[in-house]
């Protein structure tokens, strides 16, 4: 028990030496949205990892997270994903439609259906 207490005290002294952590600014003027999506793709054309990487490379997309793993339905696979994005240079509804269209143009993607998009 004394070893844990000793390490804790060392940690406290180190934090006092370094000082208080810096306060980070919140960039609340930058809108961030979360979209709940269904992604259908053909695994024979391109792998899931490649498709998600290409989605992450789209302008304004910050994070793509797999919510439910892919399920195989015939030749296609279906998965539920969550996308976090910032609309760049246009209103959110227009950007959401552009995001859907750009994702659908990725080789191997059969369709991306955005179920809902809400502010983060």
PDB file of N, CA and C in Angstrom:
ATOM      1  N   UNK A   1       0.823  -1.200   0.000  1.00  0.00           N
ATOM      2  CA  UNK A   1       0.000   0.000   0.000  1.00  0.00           C
ATOM      3  C   UNK A   1       0.858   1.250   0.000  1.00  0.00           C
ATOM      4  N   UNK A   2       2.000   1.185   0.687  1.00  0.00           N
ATOM      5  CA  UNK A   2       2.862   2.362   0.774  1.00  0.00           C
ATOM      6  C   UNK A   2       3.486   2.690  -0.582  1.00  0.00           C
ATOM      7  N   UNK A   3       3.689   1.684  -1.431  1.00  0.00           N
ATOM      8  CA  UNK A   3       4.235   1.926  -2.761  1.00  0.00           C
ATOM      9  C   UNK A   3       3.263   2.750  -3.602  1.00  0.00           C
ATOM     10  N   UNK A   4       1.996   2.432  -3.508  1.00  0.00           N
ATOM     11  CA  UNK A   4       0.976   3.191  -4.241  1.00  0.00           C
ATOM     12  C   UNK A   4       0.928   4.624  -3.726  1.00  0.00           C
ATOM     13  N   UNK A   5       0.956   4.790  -2.419  1.00  0.00           N
ATOM     14  CA  UNK A   5       0.932   6.127  -1.821  1.00  0.00           C
ATOM     15  C   UNK A   5       2.180   6.917  -2.222  1.00  0.00           C
ATOM     16  N   UNK A   6       3.303   6.253  -2.260  1.00  0.00           N
ATOM     17  CA  UNK A   6       4.551   6.911  -2.650  1.00  0.00           C
ATOM     18  C   UNK A   6       4.493   7.386  -4.105  1.00  0.00           C
ATOM     19  N   UNK A   7       3.969   6.537  -4.982  1.00  0.00           N
ATOM     20  CA  UNK A   7       3.833   6.923  -6.394  1.00  0.00           C
ATOM     21  C   UNK A   7       2.841   8.073  -6.549  1.00  0.00           C
ATOM     22  N   UNK A   8       1.766   8.049  -5.774  1.00  0.00           N
ATOM     23  CA  UNK A   8       0.776   9.131  -5.842  1.00  0.00           C
ATOM     24  C   UNK A   8       1.398  10.463  -5.415  1.00  0.00           C
ATOM     25  N   UNK A   9       2.134  10.452  -4.350  1.00  0.00           N
ATOM     26  CA  UNK A   9       2.795  11.675  -3.880  1.00  0.00           C
ATOM     27  C   UNK A   9       3.806  12.181  -4.905  1.00  0.00           C
ATOM     28  N   UNK A  10       4.528  11.267  -5.530  1.00  0.00           N
ATOM     29  CA  UNK A  10       5.479  11.663  -6.571  1.00  0.00           C
ATOM     30  C   UNK A  10       4.735  12.312  -7.737  1.00  0.00           C
ATOM     31  N   UNK A  11       3.620  11.734  -8.099  1.00  0.00           N
ATOM     32  CA  UNK A  11       2.793  12.285  -9.175  1.00  0.00           C
ATOM     33  C   UNK A  11       2.295  13.689  -8.819  1.00  0.00           C
ATOM     34  N   UNK A  12       1.849  13.883  -7.578  1.00  0.00           N
ATOM     35  CA  UNK A  12       1.371  15.191  -7.130  1.00  0.00           C
ATOM     36  C   UNK A  12       2.492  16.226  -7.174  1.00  0.00           C
ATOM     37  N   UNK A  13       3.684  15.852  -6.715  1.00  0.00           N
ATOM     38  CA  UNK A  13       4.821  16.786  -6.753  1.00  0.00           C
ATOM     39  C   UNK A  13       5.184  17.157  -8.180  1.00  0.00           C
ATOM     40  N   UNK A  14       5.134  16.189  -9.081  1.00  0.00           N
ATOM     41  CA  UNK A  14       5.438  16.453 -10.478  1.00  0.00           C
ATOM     42  C   UNK A  14       4.428  17.440 -11.058  1.00  0.00           C
ATOM     43  N   UNK A  15       3.151  17.269 -10.747  1.00  0.00           N
ATOM     44  CA  UNK A  15       2.123  18.189 -11.241  1.00  0.00           C
ATOM     45  C   UNK A  15       2.298  19.588 -10.675  1.00  0.00           C
ATOM     46  N   UNK A  16       2.719  19.691  -9.412  1.00  0.00           N
ATOM     47  CA  UNK A  16       2.966  21.000  -8.826  1.00  0.00           C
ATOM     48  C   UNK A  16       4.149  21.678  -9.502  1.00  0.00           C
ATOM     49  N   UNK A  17       5.161  20.876  -9.863  1.00  0.00           N
ATOM     50  CA  UNK A  17       6.335  21.424 -10.533  1.00  0.00           C
ATOM     51  C   UNK A  17       5.979  21.940 -11.925  1.00  0.00           C
ATOM     52  N   UNK A  18       5.236  21.148 -12.653  1.00  0.00           N
ATOM     53  CA  UNK A  18       4.848  21.525 -14.012  1.00  0.00           C
ATOM     54  C   UNK A  18       3.867  22.690 -13.973  1.00  0.00           C
ATOM     55  N   UNK A  19       3.068  22.764 -12.963  1.00  0.00           N
ATOM     56  CA  UNK A  19       2.066  23.811 -12.854  1.00  0.00           C
ATOM     57  C   UNK A  19       0.702  23.299 -13.278  1.00  0.00           C
ATOM     58  N   UNK A  20      -0.221  24.185 -13.291  1.00  0.00           N
ATOM     59  CA  UNK A  20      -1.580  23.811 -13.688  1.00  0.00           C
ATOM     60  C   UNK A  20      -1.647  23.528 -15.170  1.00  0.00           C
ATOM     61  N   UNK A  21      -2.508  22.604 -15.551  1.00  0.00           N
ATOM     62  CA  UNK A  21      -2.655  22.351 -16.986  1.00  0.00           C
ATOM     63  C   UNK A  21      -3.244  23.579 -17.685  1.00  0.00           C
ATOM     64  N   UNK A  22      -2.839  23.763 -18.917  1.00  0.00           N
ATOM     65  CA  UNK A  22      -3.340  24.906 -19.686  1.00  0.00           C
ATOM     66  C   UNK A  22      -4.822  24.729 -19.973  1.00  0.00           C
ATOM     67  N   UNK A  23      -5.522  25.814 -20.015  1.00  0.00           N
ATOM     68  CA  UNK A  23      -6.927  25.790 -20.378  1.00  0.00           C
ATOM     69  C   UNK A  23      -7.026  25.872 -21.900  1.00  0.00           C
ATOM     70  N   UNK A  24      -7.762  24.981 -22.480  1.00  0.00           N
ATOM     71  CA  UNK A  24      -7.901  24.955 -23.930  1.00  0.00           C
ATOM     72  C   UNK A  24      -9.156  25.713 -24.332  1.00  0.00           C
ATOM     73  N   UNK A  25      -9.044  26.386 -25.449  1.00  0.00           N
ATOM     74  CA  UNK A  25     -10.189  27.147 -25.946  1.00  0.00           C
ATOM     75  C   UNK A  25     -11.174  26.208 -26.615  1.00  0.00           C
ATOM     76  N   UNK A  26     -12.417  26.548 -26.486  1.00  0.00           N
ATOM     77  CA  UNK A  26     -13.452  25.807 -27.181  1.00  0.00           C
ATOM     78  C   UNK A  26     -13.747  26.521 -28.490  1.00  0.00           C
ATOM     79  N   UNK A  27     -13.751  25.783 -29.557  1.00  0.00           N
ATOM     80  CA  UNK A  27     -14.037  26.369 -30.866  1.00  0.00           C
ATOM     81  C   UNK A  27     -15.506  26.137 -31.201  1.00  0.00           C
ATOM     82  N   UNK A  28     -16.367  26.717 -30.392  1.00  0.00           N
ATOM     83  CA  UNK A  28     -17.796  26.481 -30.551  1.00  0.00           C
ATOM     84  C   UNK A  28     -18.361  27.146 -31.802  1.00  0.00           C
ATOM     85  N   UNK A  29     -17.597  28.083 -32.408  1.00  0.00           N
ATOM     86  CA  UNK A  29     -18.107  28.707 -33.626  1.00  0.00           C
ATOM     87  C   UNK A  29     -18.013  27.754 -34.823  1.00  0.00           C
ATOM     88  N   UNK A  30     -17.274  26.664 -34.688  1.00  0.00           N
ATOM     89  CA  UNK A  30     -17.178  25.672 -35.747  1.00  0.00           C
ATOM     90  C   UNK A  30     -18.240  24.613 -35.486  1.00  0.00           C
ATOM     91  N   UNK A  31     -19.248  24.519 -36.345  1.00  0.00           N
ATOM     92  CA  UNK A  31     -20.312  23.540 -36.099  1.00  0.00           C
ATOM     93  C   UNK A  31     -19.842  22.114 -36.386  1.00  0.00           C
ATOM     94  N   UNK A  32     -20.181  21.203 -35.506  1.00  0.00           N
ATOM     95  CA  UNK A  32     -19.843  19.797 -35.667  1.00  0.00           C
ATOM     96  C   UNK A  32     -21.144  19.004 -35.628  1.00  0.00           C
ATOM     97  N   UNK A  33     -21.314  18.119 -36.582  1.00  0.00           N
ATOM     98  CA  UNK A  33     -22.528  17.318 -36.675  1.00  0.00           C
ATOM     99  C   UNK A  33     -22.183  15.844 -36.633  1.00  0.00           C
ATOM    100  N   UNK A  34     -23.129  15.063 -36.134  1.00  0.00           N
ATOM    101  CA  UNK A  34     -22.993  13.608 -36.084  1.00  0.00           C
ATOM    102  C   UNK A  34     -24.100  13.012 -36.941  1.00  0.00           C
ATOM    103  N   UNK A  35     -23.707  12.142 -37.862  1.00  0.00           N
ATOM    104  CA  UNK A  35     -24.680  11.484 -38.734  1.00  0.00           C
ATOM    105  C   UNK A  35     -24.679   9.990 -38.457  1.00  0.00           C
ATOM    106  N   UNK A  36     -25.865   9.444 -38.311  1.00  0.00           N
ATOM    107  CA  UNK A  36     -26.059   8.009 -38.158  1.00  0.00           C
ATOM    108  C   UNK A  36     -26.332   7.470 -39.556  1.00  0.00           C
ATOM    109  N   UNK A  37     -25.524   6.528 -40.034  1.00  0.00           N
ATOM    110  CA  UNK A  37     -25.588   6.105 -41.435  1.00  0.00           C
ATOM    111  C   UNK A  37     -25.620   4.586 -41.575  1.00  0.00           C
ATOM    112  N   UNK A  38     -26.146   4.157 -42.715  1.00  0.00           N
ATOM    113  CA  UNK A  38     -26.082   2.767 -43.146  1.00  0.00           C
ATOM    114  C   UNK A  38     -25.237   2.741 -44.412  1.00  0.00           C
ATOM    115  N   UNK A  39     -24.160   1.973 -44.388  1.00  0.00           N
ATOM    116  CA  UNK A  39     -23.253   1.874 -45.531  1.00  0.00           C
ATOM    117  C   UNK A  39     -23.373   0.491 -46.139  1.00  0.00           C
ATOM    118  N   UNK A  40     -23.660   0.469 -47.444  1.00  0.00           N
ATOM    119  CA  UNK A  40     -23.720  -0.791 -48.190  1.00  0.00           C
ATOM    120  C   UNK A  40     -22.567  -0.772 -49.194  1.00  0.00           C
ATOM    121  N   UNK A  41     -21.801  -1.843 -49.209  1.00  0.00           N
ATOM    122  CA  UNK A  41     -20.657  -1.885 -50.116  1.00  0.00           C
ATOM    123  C   UNK A  41     -20.392  -3.300 -50.596  1.00  0.00           C
ATOM    124  N   UNK A  42     -19.646  -3.391 -51.700  1.00  0.00           N
ATOM    125  CA  UNK A  42     -19.264  -4.660 -52.280  1.00  0.00           C
ATOM    126  C   UNK A  42     -17.832  -4.947 -51.860  1.00  0.00           C
ATOM    127  N   UNK A  43     -17.633  -5.968 -51.058  1.00  0.00           N
ATOM    128  CA  UNK A  43     -16.318  -6.295 -50.538  1.00  0.00           C
ATOM    129  C   UNK A  43     -15.382  -6.815 -51.618  1.00  0.00           C
ATOM    130  N   UNK A  44     -15.949  -7.332 -52.703  1.00  0.00           N
ATOM    131  CA  UNK A  44     -15.134  -7.868 -53.790  1.00  0.00           C
ATOM    132  C   UNK A  44     -14.395  -6.748 -54.530  1.00  0.00           C
ATOM    133  N   UNK A  45     -14.960  -5.540 -54.534  1.00  0.00           N
ATOM    134  CA  UNK A  45     -14.365  -4.415 -55.254  1.00  0.00           C
ATOM    135  C   UNK A  45     -13.300  -3.740 -54.409  1.00  0.00           C
ATOM    136  N   UNK A  46     -13.627  -3.451 -53.148  1.00  0.00           N
ATOM    137  CA  UNK A  46     -12.705  -2.748 -52.269  1.00  0.00           C
ATOM    138  C   UNK A  46     -12.982  -3.169 -50.828  1.00  0.00           C
ATOM    139  N   UNK A  47     -11.939  -3.221 -50.015  1.00  0.00           N
ATOM    140  CA  UNK A  47     -12.121  -3.685 -48.637  1.00  0.00           C
ATOM    141  C   UNK A  47     -12.815  -2.620 -47.789  1.00  0.00           C
ATOM    142  N   UNK A  48     -13.352  -3.060 -46.669  1.00  0.00           N
ATOM    143  CA  UNK A  48     -14.022  -2.148 -45.733  1.00  0.00           C
ATOM    144  C   UNK A  48     -13.057  -1.075 -45.252  1.00  0.00           C
ATOM    145  N   UNK A  49     -11.835  -1.455 -44.926  1.00  0.00           N
ATOM    146  CA  UNK A  49     -10.839  -0.498 -44.428  1.00  0.00           C
ATOM    147  C   UNK A  49     -10.537   0.572 -45.478  1.00  0.00           C
ATOM    148  N   UNK A  50     -10.416   0.168 -46.738  1.00  0.00           N
ATOM    149  CA  UNK A  50     -10.136   1.136 -47.803  1.00  0.00           C
ATOM    150  C   UNK A  50     -11.287   2.117 -47.993  1.00  0.00           C
ATOM    151  N   UNK A  51     -12.505   1.607 -47.924  1.00  0.00           N
ATOM    152  CA  UNK A  51     -13.682   2.479 -48.098  1.00  0.00           C
ATOM    153  C   UNK A  51     -13.764   3.480 -46.948  1.00  0.00           C
ATOM    154  N   UNK A  52     -13.583   3.016 -45.720  1.00  0.00           N
ATOM    155  CA  UNK A  52     -13.641   3.924 -44.572  1.00  0.00           C
ATOM    156  C   UNK A  52     -12.512   4.945 -44.616  1.00  0.00           C
ATOM    157  N   UNK A  53     -11.334   4.541 -45.078  1.00  0.00           N
ATOM    158  CA  UNK A  53     -10.216   5.478 -45.214  1.00  0.00           C
ATOM    159  C   UNK A  53     -10.534   6.551 -46.235  1.00  0.00           C
ATOM    160  N   UNK A  54     -11.134   6.169 -47.343  1.00  0.00           N
ATOM    161  CA  UNK A  54     -11.519   7.159 -48.362  1.00  0.00           C
ATOM    162  C   UNK A  54     -12.613   8.098 -47.844  1.00  0.00           C
ATOM    163  N   UNK A  55     -13.513   7.579 -47.022  1.00  0.00           N
ATOM    164  CA  UNK A  55     -14.531   8.445 -46.425  1.00  0.00           C
ATOM    165  C   UNK A  55     -13.889   9.446 -45.470  1.00  0.00           C
ATOM    166  N   UNK A  56     -12.920   8.985 -44.694  1.00  0.00           N
ATOM    167  CA  UNK A  56     -12.238   9.883 -43.756  1.00  0.00           C
ATOM    168  C   UNK A  56     -11.458  10.972 -44.477  1.00  0.00           C
ATOM    169  N   UNK A  57     -11.090  10.720 -45.725  1.00  0.00           N
ATOM    170  CA  UNK A  57     -10.321  11.692 -46.501  1.00  0.00           C
ATOM    171  C   UNK A  57     -11.203  12.787 -47.110  1.00  0.00           C
ATOM    172  N   UNK A  58     -12.522  12.632 -47.043  1.00  0.00           N
ATOM    173  CA  UNK A  58     -13.418  13.649 -47.602  1.00  0.00           C
ATOM    174  C   UNK A  58     -13.320  14.935 -46.788  1.00  0.00           C
ATOM    175  N   UNK A  59     -13.364  16.058 -47.473  1.00  0.00           N
ATOM    176  CA  UNK A  59     -13.235  17.355 -46.806  1.00  0.00           C
ATOM    177  C   UNK A  59     -14.383  17.577 -45.826  1.00  0.00           C
ATOM    178  N   UNK A  60     -14.032  17.933 -44.607  1.00  0.00           N
ATOM    179  CA  UNK A  60     -15.016  18.205 -43.571  1.00  0.00           C
ATOM    180  C   UNK A  60     -15.283  17.034 -42.648  1.00  0.00           C
ATOM    181  N   UNK A  61     -14.956  15.820 -43.086  1.00  0.00           N
ATOM    182  CA  UNK A  61     -15.182  14.636 -42.254  1.00  0.00           C
ATOM    183  C   UNK A  61     -14.064  14.554 -41.222  1.00  0.00           C
ATOM    184  N   UNK A  62     -14.443  14.434 -39.960  1.00  0.00           N
ATOM    185  CA  UNK A  62     -13.435  14.365 -38.905  1.00  0.00           C
ATOM    186  C   UNK A  62     -13.257  12.945 -38.382  1.00  0.00           C
ATOM    187  N   UNK A  63     -14.367  12.233 -38.141  1.00  0.00           N
ATOM    188  CA  UNK A  63     -14.276  10.885 -37.568  1.00  0.00           C
ATOM    189  C   UNK A  63     -15.323   9.988 -38.215  1.00  0.00           C
ATOM    190  N   UNK A  64     -14.927   8.760 -38.537  1.00  0.00           N
ATOM    191  CA  UNK A  64     -15.854   7.719 -38.981  1.00  0.00           C
ATOM    192  C   UNK A  64     -15.710   6.567 -37.986  1.00  0.00           C
ATOM    193  N   UNK A  65     -16.806   6.181 -37.353  1.00  0.00           N
ATOM    194  CA  UNK A  65     -16.791   5.122 -36.348  1.00  0.00           C
ATOM    195  C   UNK A  65     -17.754   4.021 -36.757  1.00  0.00           C
ATOM    196  N   UNK A  66     -17.319   2.778 -36.641  1.00  0.00           N
ATOM    197  CA  UNK A  66     -18.185   1.638 -36.926  1.00  0.00           C
ATOM    198  C   UNK A  66     -19.029   1.372 -35.681  1.00  0.00           C
ATOM    199  N   UNK A  67     -20.349   1.449 -35.839  1.00  0.00           N
ATOM    200  CA  UNK A  67     -21.278   1.217 -34.728  1.00  0.00           C
ATOM    201  C   UNK A  67     -21.661  -0.255 -34.651  1.00  0.00           C
ATOM    202  N   UNK A  68     -22.017  -0.839 -35.791  1.00  0.00           N
ATOM    203  CA  UNK A  68     -22.333  -2.265 -35.863  1.00  0.00           C
ATOM    204  C   UNK A  68     -21.452  -2.888 -36.930  1.00  0.00           C
ATOM    205  N   UNK A  69     -20.856  -4.027 -36.654  1.00  0.00           N
ATOM    206  CA  UNK A  69     -19.991  -4.652 -37.651  1.00  0.00           C
ATOM    207  C   UNK A  69     -20.765  -5.046 -38.909  1.00  0.00           C
ATOM    208  N   UNK A  70     -20.021  -5.247 -39.975  1.00  0.00           N
ATOM    209  CA  UNK A  70     -20.630  -5.571 -41.267  1.00  0.00           C
ATOM    210  C   UNK A  70     -21.318  -6.923 -41.227  1.00  0.00           C
ATOM    211  N   UNK A  71     -22.468  -6.959 -41.892  1.00  0.00           N
ATOM    212  CA  UNK A  71     -23.201  -8.218 -42.074  1.00  0.00           C
ATOM    213  C   UNK A  71     -23.260  -8.507 -43.564  1.00  0.00           C
ATOM    214  N   UNK A  72     -23.015  -9.732 -43.918  1.00  0.00           N
ATOM    215  CA  UNK A  72     -23.000 -10.111 -45.324  1.00  0.00           C
ATOM    216  C   UNK A  72     -24.424 -10.414 -45.784  1.00  0.00           C
ATOM    217  N   UNK A  73     -24.822  -9.776 -46.880  1.00  0.00           N
ATOM    218  CA  UNK A  73     -26.118 -10.027 -47.506  1.00  0.00           C
ATOM    219  C   UNK A  73     -25.877 -10.274 -48.990  1.00  0.00           C
ATOM    220  N   UNK A  74     -25.724 -11.537 -49.341  1.00  0.00           N
ATOM    221  CA  UNK A  74     -25.414 -11.872 -50.728  1.00  0.00           C
ATOM    222  C   UNK A  74     -24.009 -11.398 -51.070  1.00  0.00           C
ATOM    223  N   UNK A  75     -23.889 -10.608 -52.131  1.00  0.00           N
ATOM    224  CA  UNK A  75     -22.577 -10.095 -52.529  1.00  0.00           C
ATOM    225  C   UNK A  75     -22.212  -8.799 -51.826  1.00  0.00           C
ATOM    226  N   UNK A  76     -23.168  -8.191 -51.135  1.00  0.00           N
ATOM    227  CA  UNK A  76     -22.862  -6.923 -50.477  1.00  0.00           C
ATOM    228  C   UNK A  76     -22.757  -7.118 -48.969  1.00  0.00           C
ATOM    229  N   UNK A  77     -22.116  -6.145 -48.341  1.00  0.00           N
ATOM    230  CA  UNK A  77     -22.046  -6.104 -46.889  1.00  0.00           C
ATOM    231  C   UNK A  77     -22.698  -4.813 -46.430  1.00  0.00           C
ATOM    232  N   UNK A  78     -23.368  -4.874 -45.282  1.00  0.00           N
ATOM    233  CA  UNK A  78     -24.082  -3.734 -44.733  1.00  0.00           C
ATOM    234  C   UNK A  78     -23.559  -3.487 -43.326  1.00  0.00           C
ATOM    235  N   UNK A  79     -23.277  -2.221 -43.033  1.00  0.00           N
ATOM    236  CA  UNK A  79     -22.809  -1.873 -41.696  1.00  0.00           C
ATOM    237  C   UNK A  79     -23.359  -0.524 -41.291  1.00  0.00           C
ATOM    238  N   UNK A  80     -23.447  -0.321 -39.993  1.00  0.00           N
ATOM    239  CA  UNK A  80     -23.916   0.959 -39.458  1.00  0.00           C
ATOM    240  C   UNK A  80     -22.709   1.731 -38.967  1.00  0.00           C
ATOM    241  N   UNK A  81     -22.600   2.985 -39.408  1.00  0.00           N
ATOM    242  CA  UNK A  81     -21.475   3.823 -39.018  1.00  0.00           C
ATOM    243  C   UNK A  81     -21.979   5.158 -38.489  1.00  0.00           C
ATOM    244  N   UNK A  82     -21.088   5.838 -37.784  1.00  0.00           N
ATOM    245  CA  UNK A  82     -21.360   7.188 -37.304  1.00  0.00           C
ATOM    246  C   UNK A  82     -20.284   8.077 -37.903  1.00  0.00           C
ATOM    247  N   UNK A  83     -20.703   9.180 -38.500  1.00  0.00           N
ATOM    248  CA  UNK A  83     -19.759  10.116 -39.104  1.00  0.00           C
ATOM    249  C   UNK A  83     -19.865  11.458 -38.389  1.00  0.00           C
ATOM    250  N   UNK A  84     -18.726  11.997 -37.987  1.00  0.00           N
ATOM    251  CA  UNK A  84     -18.684  13.353 -37.436  1.00  0.00           C
ATOM    252  C   UNK A  84     -18.094  14.238 -38.513  1.00  0.00           C
ATOM    253  N   UNK A  85     -18.740  15.360 -38.759  1.00  0.00           N
ATOM    254  CA  UNK A  85     -18.264  16.240 -39.823  1.00  0.00           C
ATOM    255  C   UNK A  85     -18.596  17.686 -39.536  1.00  0.00           C
ATOM    256  N   UNK A  86     -17.859  18.558 -40.214  1.00  0.00           N
ATOM    257  CA  UNK A  86     -18.074  19.995 -40.141  1.00  0.00           C
ATOM    258  C   UNK A  86     -18.431  20.470 -41.533  1.00  0.00           C
ATOM    259  N   UNK A  87     -19.617  21.027 -41.734  1.00  0.00           N
ATOM    260  CA  UNK A  87     -19.975  21.535 -43.057  1.00  0.00           C
ATOM    261  C   UNK A  87     -19.034  22.672 -43.451  1.00  0.00           C
ATOM    262  N   UNK A  88     -18.408  22.548 -44.597  1.00  0.00           N
ATOM    263  CA  UNK A  88     -17.443  23.548 -45.034  1.00  0.00           C
ATOM    264  C   UNK A  88     -18.016  24.331 -46.209  1.00  0.00           C
ATOM    265  N   UNK A  89     -18.228  25.612 -45.979  1.00  0.00           N
ATOM    266  CA  UNK A  89     -18.630  26.510 -47.048  1.00  0.00           C
ATOM    267  C   UNK A  89     -20.064  26.392 -47.534  1.00  0.00           C
ATOM    268  N   UNK A  90     -20.914  25.705 -46.799  1.00  0.00           N
ATOM    269  CA  UNK A  90     -22.316  25.573 -47.218  1.00  0.00           C
ATOM    270  C   UNK A  90     -23.179  25.201 -46.019  1.00  0.00           C
ATOM    271  N   UNK A  91     -24.472  25.376 -46.148  1.00  0.00           N
ATOM    272  CA  UNK A  91     -25.380  24.986 -45.055  1.00  0.00           C
ATOM    273  C   UNK A  91     -25.314  23.475 -44.802  1.00  0.00           C
ATOM    274  N   UNK A  92     -25.683  23.082 -43.585  1.00  0.00           N
ATOM    275  CA  UNK A  92     -25.540  21.685 -43.179  1.00  0.00           C
ATOM    276  C   UNK A  92     -26.370  20.732 -44.034  1.00  0.00           C
ATOM    277  N   UNK A  93     -27.583  21.109 -44.422  1.00  0.00           N
ATOM    278  CA  UNK A  93     -28.397  20.196 -45.217  1.00  0.00           C
ATOM    279  C   UNK A  93     -27.794  19.967 -46.600  1.00  0.00           C
ATOM    280  N   UNK A  94     -27.235  21.005 -47.180  1.00  0.00           N
ATOM    281  CA  UNK A  94     -26.602  20.885 -48.485  1.00  0.00           C
ATOM    282  C   UNK A  94     -25.313  20.063 -48.375  1.00  0.00           C
ATOM    283  N   UNK A  95     -24.521  20.325 -47.321  1.00  0.00           N
ATOM    284  CA  UNK A  95     -23.280  19.577 -47.133  1.00  0.00           C
ATOM    285  C   UNK A  95     -23.564  18.099 -46.884  1.00  0.00           C
ATOM    286  N   UNK A  96     -24.626  17.800 -46.127  1.00  0.00           N
ATOM    287  CA  UNK A  96     -24.984  16.407 -45.856  1.00  0.00           C
ATOM    288  C   UNK A  96     -25.305  15.675 -47.152  1.00  0.00           C
ATOM    289  N   UNK A  97     -26.025  16.344 -48.068  1.00  0.00           N
ATOM    290  CA  UNK A  97     -26.339  15.743 -49.365  1.00  0.00           C
ATOM    291  C   UNK A  97     -25.065  15.547 -50.193  1.00  0.00           C
ATOM    292  N   UNK A  98     -24.149  16.517 -50.133  1.00  0.00           N
ATOM    293  CA  UNK A  98     -22.875  16.407 -50.860  1.00  0.00           C
ATOM    294  C   UNK A  98     -22.047  15.257 -50.293  1.00  0.00           C
ATOM    295  N   UNK A  99     -22.023  15.127 -48.969  1.00  0.00           N
ATOM    296  CA  UNK A  99     -21.291  14.041 -48.319  1.00  0.00           C
ATOM    297  C   UNK A  99     -21.831  12.688 -48.764  1.00  0.00           C
ATOM    298  N   UNK A 100     -23.134  12.579 -48.817  1.00  0.00           N
ATOM    299  CA  UNK A 100     -23.767  11.335 -49.253  1.00  0.00           C
ATOM    300  C   UNK A 100     -23.410  11.029 -50.707  1.00  0.00           C
ATOM    301  N   UNK A 101     -23.452  12.048 -51.561  1.00  0.00           N
ATOM    302  CA  UNK A 101     -23.146  11.870 -52.981  1.00  0.00           C
ATOM    303  C   UNK A 101     -21.671  11.501 -53.192  1.00  0.00           C
ATOM    304  N   UNK A 102     -20.762  12.176 -52.468  1.00  0.00           N
ATOM    305  CA  UNK A 102     -19.335  11.873 -52.609  1.00  0.00           C
ATOM    306  C   UNK A 102     -19.014  10.475 -52.109  1.00  0.00           C
ATOM    307  N   UNK A 103     -19.657  10.055 -51.029  1.00  0.00           N
ATOM    308  CA  UNK A 103     -19.425   8.707 -50.509  1.00  0.00           C
ATOM    309  C   UNK A 103     -19.945   7.666 -51.482  1.00  0.00           C
ATOM    310  N   UNK A 104     -21.097   7.927 -52.079  1.00  0.00           N
ATOM    311  CA  UNK A 104     -21.657   6.985 -53.042  1.00  0.00           C
ATOM    312  C   UNK A 104     -20.791   6.867 -54.290  1.00  0.00           C
ATOM    313  N   UNK A 105     -19.943   7.863 -54.559  1.00  0.00           N
ATOM    314  CA  UNK A 105     -19.074   7.800 -55.735  1.00  0.00           C
ATOM    315  C   UNK A 105     -17.766   7.041 -55.466  1.00  0.00           C
ATOM    316  N   UNK A 106     -17.518   6.641 -54.221  1.00  0.00           N
ATOM    317  CA  UNK A 106     -16.326   5.855 -53.900  1.00  0.00           C
ATOM    318  C   UNK A 106     -16.473   4.470 -54.508  1.00  0.00           C
ATOM    319  N   UNK A 107     -15.408   4.002 -55.151  1.00  0.00           N
ATOM    320  CA  UNK A 107     -15.426   2.696 -55.799  1.00  0.00           C
ATOM    321  C   UNK A 107     -15.712   1.602 -54.771  1.00  0.00           C
ATOM    322  N   UNK A 108     -16.725   0.789 -55.025  1.00  0.00           N
ATOM    323  CA  UNK A 108     -17.098  -0.296 -54.121  1.00  0.00           C
ATOM    324  C   UNK A 108     -18.290   0.026 -53.251  1.00  0.00           C
ATOM    325  N   UNK A 109     -18.598   1.324 -53.063  1.00  0.00           N
ATOM    326  CA  UNK A 109     -19.751   1.706 -52.247  1.00  0.00           C
ATOM    327  C   UNK A 109     -21.014   1.575 -53.098  1.00  0.00           C
ATOM    328  N   UNK A 110     -21.973   0.821 -52.585  1.00  0.00           N
ATOM    329  CA  UNK A 110     -23.251   0.696 -53.275  1.00  0.00           C
ATOM    330  C   UNK A 110     -24.175   1.829 -52.871  1.00  0.00           C
ATOM    331  N   UNK A 111     -24.213   2.148 -51.570  1.00  0.00           N
ATOM    332  CA  UNK A 111     -25.008   3.287 -51.125  1.00  0.00           C
ATOM    333  C   UNK A 111     -24.664   3.663 -49.690  1.00  0.00           C
ATOM    334  N   UNK A 112     -24.785   4.942 -49.424  1.00  0.00           N
ATOM    335  CA  UNK A 112     -24.695   5.457 -48.059  1.00  0.00           C
ATOM    336  C   UNK A 112     -26.030   6.139 -47.783  1.00  0.00           C
ATOM    337  N   UNK A 113     -26.719   5.689 -46.771  1.00  0.00           N
ATOM    338  CA  UNK A 113     -27.986   6.304 -46.375  1.00  0.00           C
ATOM    339  C   UNK A 113     -27.789   6.993 -45.039  1.00  0.00           C
ATOM    340  N   UNK A 114     -27.951   8.301 -45.021  1.00  0.00           N
ATOM    341  CA  UNK A 114     -27.845   9.044 -43.773  1.00  0.00           C
ATOM    342  C   UNK A 114     -29.218   9.042 -43.128  1.00  0.00           C
ATOM    343  N   UNK A 115     -29.329   8.370 -41.993  1.00  0.00           N
ATOM    344  CA  UNK A 115     -30.607   8.226 -41.311  1.00  0.00           C
ATOM    345  C   UNK A 115     -30.987   9.535 -40.626  1.00  0.00           C
ATOM    346  N   UNK A 116     -30.028  10.103 -39.908  1.00  0.00           N
ATOM    347  CA  UNK A 116     -30.272  11.395 -39.260  1.00  0.00           C
ATOM    348  C   UNK A 116     -28.945  12.075 -39.014  1.00  0.00           C
ATOM    349  N   UNK A 117     -28.967  13.395 -38.985  1.00  0.00           N
ATOM    350  CA  UNK A 117     -27.785  14.199 -38.670  1.00  0.00           C
ATOM    351  C   UNK A 117     -28.192  15.221 -37.618  1.00  0.00           C
ATOM    352  N   UNK A 118     -27.448  15.244 -36.512  1.00  0.00           N
ATOM    353  CA  UNK A 118     -27.763  16.157 -35.419  1.00  0.00           C
ATOM    354  C   UNK A 118     -26.509  16.929 -35.019  1.00  0.00           C
ATOM    355  N   UNK A 119     -26.661  18.104 -34.436  1.00  0.00           N
ATOM    356  CA  UNK A 119     -25.478  18.820 -33.944  1.00  0.00           C
ATOM    357  C   UNK A 119     -24.826  18.063 -32.798  1.00  0.00           C
ATOM    358  N   UNK A 120     -23.499  18.086 -32.782  1.00  0.00           N
ATOM    359  CA  UNK A 120     -22.762  17.376 -31.730  1.00  0.00           C
ATOM    360  C   UNK A 120     -22.757  18.141 -30.438  1.00  0.00           C
TER     361      UNK A 120
END
